[in-house]
Protein backbone atom coordinates (compact mmCIF):
# COMPACT_ATOMS: atom_id res chain seq x y z
CA MET A 1 -2.86 -4.71 0.14
CA CYS A 2 0.33 -4.66 2.22
CA PHE A 3 -0.21 -1.16 4.00
CA GLU A 4 -0.61 -1.46 7.81
CA ALA A 5 0.95 1.72 9.33
CA TRP A 6 2.90 1.80 12.43
CA PRO A 7 3.92 4.87 14.43
CA ALA A 8 6.60 7.00 12.97
CA GLY A 9 10.07 6.15 14.12
CA PRO A 10 13.03 8.45 15.24
CA ARG A 11 13.69 9.65 11.64
CA GLY A 12 10.31 10.53 10.98
CA VAL A 13 9.69 7.28 8.88
CA VAL A 14 6.42 5.06 9.18
CA LYS A 15 6.83 1.28 9.07
CA LEU A 16 4.30 -0.44 7.20
CA ASP A 17 3.55 -4.12 7.82
CA CYS A 18 2.60 -6.67 5.16
CA SER A 19 1.70 -9.54 7.43
CA ARG A 20 -2.12 -8.66 7.25
CA MET A 21 -2.79 -9.90 3.60
CA SER A 22 -6.02 -11.07 2.18
CA SER A 23 -6.10 -14.88 1.56
CA THR A 24 -5.35 -14.34 -2.21
CA GLN A 25 -2.20 -12.31 -1.30
CA SER A 26 -1.21 -14.81 1.14
CA ALA A 27 -1.61 -17.69 -1.22
CA ASN A 28 0.53 -15.84 -3.98
CA ARG A 29 3.30 -15.19 -1.50
CA SER A 30 6.29 -17.40 -0.41
CA PRO A 31 6.29 -18.63 2.97
CA ARG A 32 8.71 -16.12 4.10
CA LYS A 33 7.93 -14.00 7.11
CA ALA A 34 6.48 -10.69 6.15
CA ARG A 35 8.69 -7.63 6.89
CA ALA A 36 7.90 -3.90 7.60
CA THR A 37 8.46 -1.35 4.76
CA GLN A 38 9.51 2.10 5.49
CA VAL A 39 7.75 5.15 4.17
CA PRO A 40 8.33 8.69 5.03
CA ASP A 41 5.71 10.52 7.02
CA GLN A 42 4.83 12.82 4.11
CA PHE A 43 3.09 9.84 2.55
CA ARG A 44 1.29 8.60 5.46
CA ASP A 45 -1.98 10.07 4.96
CA ASP A 46 -2.31 9.00 1.38
CA ILE A 47 -1.18 5.51 2.34
CA GLU A 48 -3.87 5.36 5.08
CA ALA A 49 -6.48 6.78 2.72
CA LEU A 50 -5.57 3.98 0.20
CA ARG A 51 -5.76 1.19 2.80
CA GLU A 52 -9.31 2.33 3.76
CA LEU A 53 -10.38 2.80 0.23
CA ALA A 54 -9.11 -0.64 -0.77
CA TYR A 55 -11.13 -1.99 2.10
CA ARG A 56 -14.32 -0.07 0.93
CA CYS A 57 -13.74 -1.32 -2.53
CA LEU A 58 -14.51 -4.78 -1.53
CA SER A 59 -18.28 -3.95 -0.86
CA ASP A 60 -18.34 -1.13 -3.59
CA PRO A 61 -16.10 -1.79 -6.85
CA ALA A 62 -17.20 1.50 -8.17
CA LEU A 63 -14.84 3.07 -5.84
CA ASN A 64 -11.96 1.55 -7.81
CA ASP A 65 -11.66 4.56 -9.92
CA GLN A 66 -10.71 6.78 -6.88
CA ARG A 67 -8.29 3.89 -5.77
CA ILE A 68 -6.48 4.19 -9.18
CA GLU A 69 -6.43 7.85 -9.05
CA LEU A 70 -4.80 7.74 -5.62
CA VAL A 71 -2.23 5.21 -6.46
CA ARG A 72 -1.19 7.15 -9.53
CA ARG A 73 -0.83 10.40 -7.50
CA LEU A 74 1.28 8.49 -4.96
CA PHE A 75 3.59 7.20 -7.83
CA ASP A 76 4.00 10.77 -9.02
CA ARG A 77 5.19 11.77 -5.49
CA ILE A 78 7.40 8.91 -4.63
CA PRO A 79 10.84 9.09 -6.48
CA SER A 80 11.35 5.93 -8.84
CA ASP A 81 14.75 5.49 -7.12
CA GLN A 82 13.59 5.36 -3.64
CA PHE A 83 11.07 3.05 -1.45
CA PRO A 84 11.00 -0.01 -4.06
CA GLU A 85 9.06 -2.06 -1.54
CA VAL A 86 6.25 0.62 -1.38
CA ARG A 87 6.28 1.07 -5.22
CA GLY A 88 5.92 -2.43 -5.55
CA SER A 89 3.11 -2.69 -3.24
CA LEU A 90 1.55 0.22 -5.12
CA MET A 91 1.96 -1.65 -8.25
CA ASN A 92 0.12 -4.69 -6.97
CA ASP A 93 -2.70 -2.48 -5.41
CA LEU A 94 -3.09 -0.94 -9.04
CA GLY A 95 -3.40 -4.29 -10.70
CA GLN A 96 -5.97 -5.18 -8.10
CA ALA A 97 -7.91 -2.00 -8.67
CA TYR A 98 -8.07 -2.77 -12.47
CA SER A 99 -9.07 -6.41 -12.07
C-alpha cells in the first residue's frame, strides 16, 4: 500500500510517500521515482489505521473484511473530484483486500 504519512504541512495537508511498497507493488510499477501524495489532515487517522490494518492482514487474512469496510468509508468521505492519487491508492488497496 502507498500510505506512509509525513507530518502535516503549512496548509494542514499530510504528505504520503509511495516509495515503501511491497515487492509485488514495486514489480508492477514503472521505474519512475515515487512521489508524495497530499491528503488533508481530516483523513490522516483513517489512512494510518488502514496502513496498520493492511500490515496486520499479511498475517491474519480474516482482517480483510475490516480493511474493506475502512476503504469504503474513506471513499464515502473523500470527494470524487478531489485527491485522485489517494482514491487510486484506495482502489488498489481495495483490490488487494478482495484478493
